[in-house]
């Protein structure tokens, strides 16, 4: 680089090293979103679901990638534990590809029957008494 073009040299170095890392990171994050580790039963599912939503928000904020609603719905419909998947299949006629509607139905389903202490803390981490 000619003298006085240090910024241009830095820019070239930055992009030659940083860009491949970003692409690899975004790809790994996207794979993680498409193959969530939710387990085989509903125990603790709501916390895992919220963490999954946070991962989506991080990818969209930092990766400049938008995950379409129908993709989020498809992941929920295919990767959730069987009992939840069955419920979501029944709801899909009403919710269509609206992730917001499917999300609301899912949360209401999981919270139905949860009892709380006087302090507002759930008495059980097993919503609806679902067994493994």
Protein backbone atom coordinates (compact mmCIF):
# COMPACT_ATOMS: atom_id res chain seq x y z
CA UNK A 1 0.00 0.00 0.00
CA UNK A 2 1.23 3.48 -0.75
CA UNK A 3 2.12 5.67 2.18
CA UNK A 4 -0.82 7.53 3.70
CA UNK A 5 -3.36 4.79 2.91
CA UNK A 6 -3.20 2.99 6.25
CA UNK A 7 -6.98 3.05 6.67
CA UNK A 8 -7.42 1.33 3.33
CA UNK A 9 -4.82 -1.30 4.30
CA UNK A 10 -6.55 -1.87 7.65
CA UNK A 11 -9.94 -2.18 5.90
CA UNK A 12 -8.62 -4.83 3.50
CA UNK A 13 -7.04 -6.80 6.34
CA UNK A 14 -10.16 -6.55 8.47
CA UNK A 15 -12.46 -7.85 5.75
CA UNK A 16 -10.10 -10.60 4.65
CA UNK A 17 -10.02 -12.03 8.19
CA UNK A 18 -13.35 -11.01 9.69
CA UNK A 19 -15.78 -11.81 6.87
CA UNK A 20 -15.16 -15.58 6.79
CA UNK A 21 -15.56 -15.71 10.59
CA UNK A 22 -18.88 -13.85 10.37
CA UNK A 23 -20.22 -16.17 7.68
CA UNK A 24 -19.18 -19.26 9.65
CA UNK A 25 -20.71 -17.85 12.83
CA UNK A 26 -24.00 -16.96 11.13
CA UNK A 27 -24.17 -20.38 9.48
CA UNK A 28 -23.57 -22.14 12.81
CA UNK A 29 -26.23 -19.99 14.49
CA UNK A 30 -28.72 -20.72 11.72
CA UNK A 31 -28.09 -24.46 11.96
CA UNK A 32 -28.62 -24.25 15.73
CA UNK A 33 -31.94 -22.51 15.21
CA UNK A 34 -33.09 -25.10 12.71
CA UNK A 35 -32.07 -28.01 14.97
CA UNK A 36 -33.01 -26.83 18.47
CA UNK A 37 -32.19 -29.03 21.47
CA UNK A 38 -35.64 -29.09 23.06
CA UNK A 39 -35.60 -32.65 24.35
CA UNK A 40 -38.25 -35.32 24.00
CA UNK A 41 -40.75 -34.10 26.57
CA UNK A 42 -42.39 -30.87 27.69
CA UNK A 43 -40.43 -30.51 30.93
CA UNK A 44 -38.66 -27.17 30.83
CA UNK A 45 -39.73 -26.60 27.24
CA UNK A 46 -40.94 -23.02 27.75
CA UNK A 47 -37.53 -21.86 28.99
CA UNK A 48 -35.85 -23.58 26.05
CA UNK A 49 -38.36 -21.98 23.68
CA UNK A 50 -37.62 -18.50 25.06
CA UNK A 51 -33.87 -19.14 24.67
CA UNK A 52 -34.51 -20.20 21.05
CA UNK A 53 -36.41 -16.97 20.41
CA UNK A 54 -33.48 -15.01 21.87
CA UNK A 55 -31.11 -16.82 19.50
CA UNK A 56 -33.30 -15.77 16.59
CA UNK A 57 -33.27 -12.16 17.79
CA UNK A 58 -29.46 -12.23 18.10
CA UNK A 59 -29.03 -13.64 14.60
CA UNK A 60 -31.39 -11.06 13.15
CA UNK A 61 -29.74 -8.18 15.01
CA UNK A 62 -26.11 -9.09 14.43
CA UNK A 63 -26.25 -11.15 11.28
CA UNK A 64 -28.58 -8.96 9.26
CA UNK A 65 -30.59 -12.11 8.50
CA UNK A 66 -34.35 -12.23 8.80
CA UNK A 67 -35.93 -15.58 9.72
CA UNK A 68 -39.36 -15.66 8.04
CA UNK A 69 -42.40 -16.50 10.17
CA UNK A 70 -43.24 -19.58 8.13
CA UNK A 71 -39.73 -20.98 8.80
CA UNK A 72 -40.15 -20.44 12.55
CA UNK A 73 -43.55 -22.15 12.38
CA UNK A 74 -42.10 -25.07 10.40
CA UNK A 75 -39.33 -25.53 12.97
CA UNK A 76 -41.86 -25.56 15.80
CA UNK A 77 -44.15 -27.96 13.92
CA UNK A 78 -41.34 -30.41 13.19
CA UNK A 79 -38.85 -30.19 16.07
CA UNK A 80 -40.91 -29.89 19.25
CA UNK A 81 -41.57 -32.84 21.57
CA UNK A 82 -44.36 -35.13 20.28
CA UNK A 83 -47.09 -33.98 22.68
CA UNK A 84 -46.45 -30.33 21.85
CA UNK A 85 -46.16 -31.10 18.14
CA UNK A 86 -49.57 -32.76 18.24
CA UNK A 87 -51.08 -29.68 19.88
CA UNK A 88 -49.44 -27.36 17.33
CA UNK A 89 -50.74 -29.46 14.45
CA UNK A 90 -54.27 -28.98 15.78
CA UNK A 91 -53.69 -25.23 16.07
CA UNK A 92 -52.22 -24.78 12.60
CA UNK A 93 -55.65 -24.50 10.96
CA UNK A 94 -56.33 -21.41 13.05
CA UNK A 95 -52.87 -19.90 13.11
CA UNK A 96 -51.70 -20.63 9.57
CA UNK A 97 -48.16 -19.36 9.13
CA UNK A 98 -48.50 -16.62 11.75
CA UNK A 99 -45.69 -17.24 14.21
CA UNK A 100 -47.16 -14.71 16.66
CA UNK A 101 -50.46 -16.61 16.80
CA UNK A 102 -48.77 -20.01 17.04
CA UNK A 103 -46.46 -18.68 19.75
CA UNK A 104 -49.39 -17.33 21.77
CA UNK A 105 -51.28 -20.64 21.49
CA UNK A 106 -48.16 -22.57 22.51
CA UNK A 107 -47.47 -20.43 25.56
CA UNK A 108 -51.09 -20.60 26.70
CA UNK A 109 -51.04 -24.39 26.25
CA UNK A 110 -47.86 -24.76 28.30
CA UNK A 111 -48.97 -22.42 31.07
CA UNK A 112 -52.43 -23.93 31.41
CA UNK A 113 -52.66 -25.67 34.74
CA UNK A 114 -49.48 -24.20 36.22
CA UNK A 115 -50.04 -23.28 39.85
CA UNK A 116 -48.22 -20.39 41.51
CA UNK A 117 -47.15 -19.62 45.06
CA UNK A 118 -48.23 -16.42 46.80
CA UNK A 119 -44.96 -14.88 45.57
CA UNK A 120 -45.93 -15.62 41.97
CA UNK A 121 -43.38 -18.41 41.51
CA UNK A 122 -44.48 -21.56 39.66
CA UNK A 123 -44.90 -24.49 42.08
CA UNK A 124 -43.61 -26.96 39.51
CA UNK A 125 -41.22 -26.80 36.61
CA UNK A 126 -43.39 -29.42 34.90
CA UNK A 127 -46.28 -27.53 33.24
CA UNK A 128 -49.49 -29.47 32.90
CA UNK A 129 -47.97 -32.37 34.83
CA UNK A 130 -46.47 -33.84 31.67
CA UNK A 131 -44.27 -36.86 32.16
CA UNK A 132 -41.09 -37.77 30.28
